[in-house]
Protein backbone atom coordinates (compact mmCIF):
# COMPACT_ATOMS: atom_id res chain seq x y z
CA UNK A 1 79.79 127.35 129.32
CA UNK A 2 76.69 125.41 130.28
CA UNK A 3 74.51 123.21 128.14
CA UNK A 4 70.79 123.86 128.38
CA UNK A 5 69.68 120.45 127.12
CA UNK A 6 71.45 117.84 129.21
CA UNK A 7 70.27 114.36 128.32
CA UNK A 8 71.09 112.28 125.30
CA UNK A 9 74.55 112.90 123.80
CA UNK A 10 73.05 114.09 120.48
CA UNK A 11 71.03 116.74 122.36
CA UNK A 12 74.22 117.97 124.04
CA UNK A 13 76.09 118.06 120.71
CA UNK A 14 73.23 119.99 119.06
CA UNK A 15 73.04 122.48 121.92
CA UNK A 16 76.78 123.24 121.83
CA UNK A 17 76.79 123.44 118.04
CA UNK A 18 73.89 125.90 117.88
CA UNK A 19 75.30 127.98 120.70
CA UNK A 20 78.71 128.37 119.02
CA UNK A 21 77.28 128.79 115.50
CA UNK A 22 74.42 131.14 116.48
CA UNK A 23 76.32 134.37 115.92
CA UNK A 24 76.82 135.08 119.63
CA UNK A 25 80.51 134.42 118.94
CA UNK A 26 82.33 135.81 115.90
CA UNK A 27 84.96 134.22 113.67
CA UNK A 28 88.37 135.93 113.70
CA UNK A 29 91.40 135.42 111.47
CA UNK A 30 93.68 134.81 114.45
CA UNK A 31 93.66 132.41 117.39
CA UNK A 32 92.92 133.76 120.86
CA UNK A 33 92.67 130.35 122.54
CA UNK A 34 89.43 128.55 123.37
CA UNK A 35 89.17 130.08 126.85
CA UNK A 36 89.49 133.60 125.43
CA UNK A 37 86.81 132.85 122.82
CA UNK A 38 84.33 132.86 125.69
CA UNK A 39 85.75 136.08 127.16
CA UNK A 40 86.21 138.12 123.97
CA UNK A 41 83.38 136.67 121.90
CA UNK A 42 85.62 135.95 118.92
CA UNK A 43 88.18 133.38 117.87
CA UNK A 44 89.61 131.37 115.00
CA UNK A 45 88.27 128.11 113.67
CA UNK A 46 90.75 126.19 115.84
CA UNK A 47 89.40 128.02 118.91
CA UNK A 48 85.81 127.03 118.04
CA UNK A 49 86.53 123.35 117.37
CA UNK A 50 88.80 123.05 120.43
CA UNK A 51 86.24 124.69 122.73
CA UNK A 52 83.49 122.42 121.41
CA UNK A 53 85.71 119.39 122.04
CA UNK A 54 86.52 120.47 125.62
CA UNK A 55 82.88 121.18 126.49
CA UNK A 56 81.56 117.97 124.94
CA UNK A 57 84.19 115.90 126.73
CA UNK A 58 83.25 117.58 130.02
CA UNK A 59 79.72 116.20 129.44
CA UNK A 60 81.19 112.71 128.77
CA UNK A 61 80.54 112.83 125.02
CA UNK A 62 83.57 111.30 123.24
CA UNK A 63 84.79 114.02 120.87
CA UNK A 64 87.85 114.57 118.72
CA UNK A 65 89.15 117.29 116.42
CA UNK A 66 89.92 116.09 112.92
CA UNK A 67 91.92 117.55 110.07
CA UNK A 68 91.54 116.19 106.58
CA UNK A 69 91.62 116.88 102.88
CA UNK A 70 89.29 116.43 99.96
CA UNK A 71 90.18 115.74 96.34
CA UNK A 72 88.79 117.03 93.07
CA UNK A 73 90.68 114.60 90.85
CA UNK A 74 89.07 112.17 88.49
CA UNK A 75 90.09 108.67 87.59
CA UNK A 76 93.33 107.51 89.17
CA UNK A 77 94.88 110.97 89.51
CA UNK A 78 94.00 113.05 92.57
CA UNK A 79 95.59 116.44 93.17
CA UNK A 80 95.47 117.63 96.78
CA UNK A 81 96.68 121.07 97.84
CA UNK A 82 96.66 122.94 101.17
CA UNK A 83 93.54 124.80 100.06
CA UNK A 84 91.68 121.49 100.12
CA UNK A 85 92.00 121.04 103.87
CA UNK A 86 89.26 121.01 106.48
CA UNK A 87 89.10 121.14 110.28
CA UNK A 88 86.06 119.82 112.15
CA UNK A 89 84.80 118.08 115.31
CA UNK A 90 83.51 114.53 115.53
CA UNK A 91 81.42 113.25 118.44
CA UNK A 92 80.55 109.62 119.09
CA UNK A 93 76.75 109.56 119.28
CA UNK A 94 74.28 106.69 118.96
CA UNK A 95 76.91 104.19 117.80
CA UNK A 96 78.61 106.41 115.21
CA UNK A 97 80.78 109.47 114.73
CA UNK A 98 78.89 112.66 113.89
CA UNK A 99 80.87 115.35 112.07
CA UNK A 100 80.18 119.06 112.64
CA UNK A 101 81.84 122.44 112.28
CA UNK A 102 80.80 124.65 115.23
CA UNK A 103 81.64 128.05 113.73
CA UNK A 104 79.43 131.01 112.83
CA UNK A 105 78.83 131.95 109.22
CA UNK A 106 78.11 135.67 108.98
CA UNK A 107 76.29 135.63 112.32
CA UNK A 108 73.96 132.77 111.43
CA UNK A 109 74.03 129.09 112.19
CA UNK A 110 75.84 127.58 109.25
CA UNK A 111 74.42 124.05 109.27
CA UNK A 112 72.54 121.53 111.34
CA UNK A 113 74.07 118.42 112.78
CA UNK A 114 72.98 115.23 111.18
CA UNK A 115 74.15 112.29 109.18
CA UNK A 116 72.97 113.57 105.78
CA UNK A 117 74.69 116.92 105.32
CA UNK A 118 78.35 115.93 105.40
CA UNK A 119 79.10 117.44 101.97
CA UNK A 120 77.90 120.87 103.05
CA UNK A 121 79.88 120.60 106.29
CA UNK A 122 83.04 119.69 104.38
CA UNK A 123 82.62 122.65 102.03
CA UNK A 124 82.03 125.07 104.91
CA UNK A 125 84.97 123.66 106.86
CA UNK A 126 87.25 124.11 103.86
CA UNK A 127 86.28 127.74 103.52
CA UNK A 128 86.73 128.50 107.23
CA UNK A 129 89.83 126.39 107.89
CA UNK A 130 91.97 127.78 105.10
CA UNK A 131 93.53 130.72 107.01
CA UNK A 132 94.40 128.46 109.93
CA UNK A 133 95.94 125.82 107.65
CA UNK A 134 98.06 128.38 105.84
CA UNK A 135 99.30 129.88 109.12
CA UNK A 136 100.04 126.46 110.59
CA UNK A 137 101.92 125.44 107.42
CA UNK A 138 104.07 128.56 107.66
CA UNK A 139 104.73 127.77 111.34
CA UNK A 140 105.83 124.22 110.45
CA UNK A 141 108.17 125.47 107.74
CA UNK A 142 109.72 128.11 110.02
CA UNK A 143 110.07 125.77 113.00
CA UNK A 144 112.14 123.31 110.97
CA UNK A 145 114.69 125.93 109.85
CA UNK A 146 117.85 125.53 111.90
CA UNK A 147 120.16 128.47 112.55
CA UNK A 148 123.76 128.14 111.38
């Protein structure tokens, strides 16, 4: 996986984002692992964000995968459920963390990287991360059950 625009970190982040979100790779409902995403051309949201993190780190761009939640409550009461979760990448560029979700949306690039479109990125991440979050929650519940 090579980057065509090696230079400033933001150029590298943009190149990787557009390459993964371009539609060349397809979103699947199951994880194949980031290395198999490149071989099979499809993977889950966790495969896309993990691959982006690995590639960006290999180009010395500090990158992390983040998992968070958003709230729709008003006033002092905020109700947060598992359907309000989001998975994304953050890269440290030009003195700040840039958030992006490097996944395809129906074969098209879903968003551009920038500092002004965080709300759209959060909404898209919520839509695409939901199957992974549900599966991971089931895994956590099952893994804590002890046999008698």
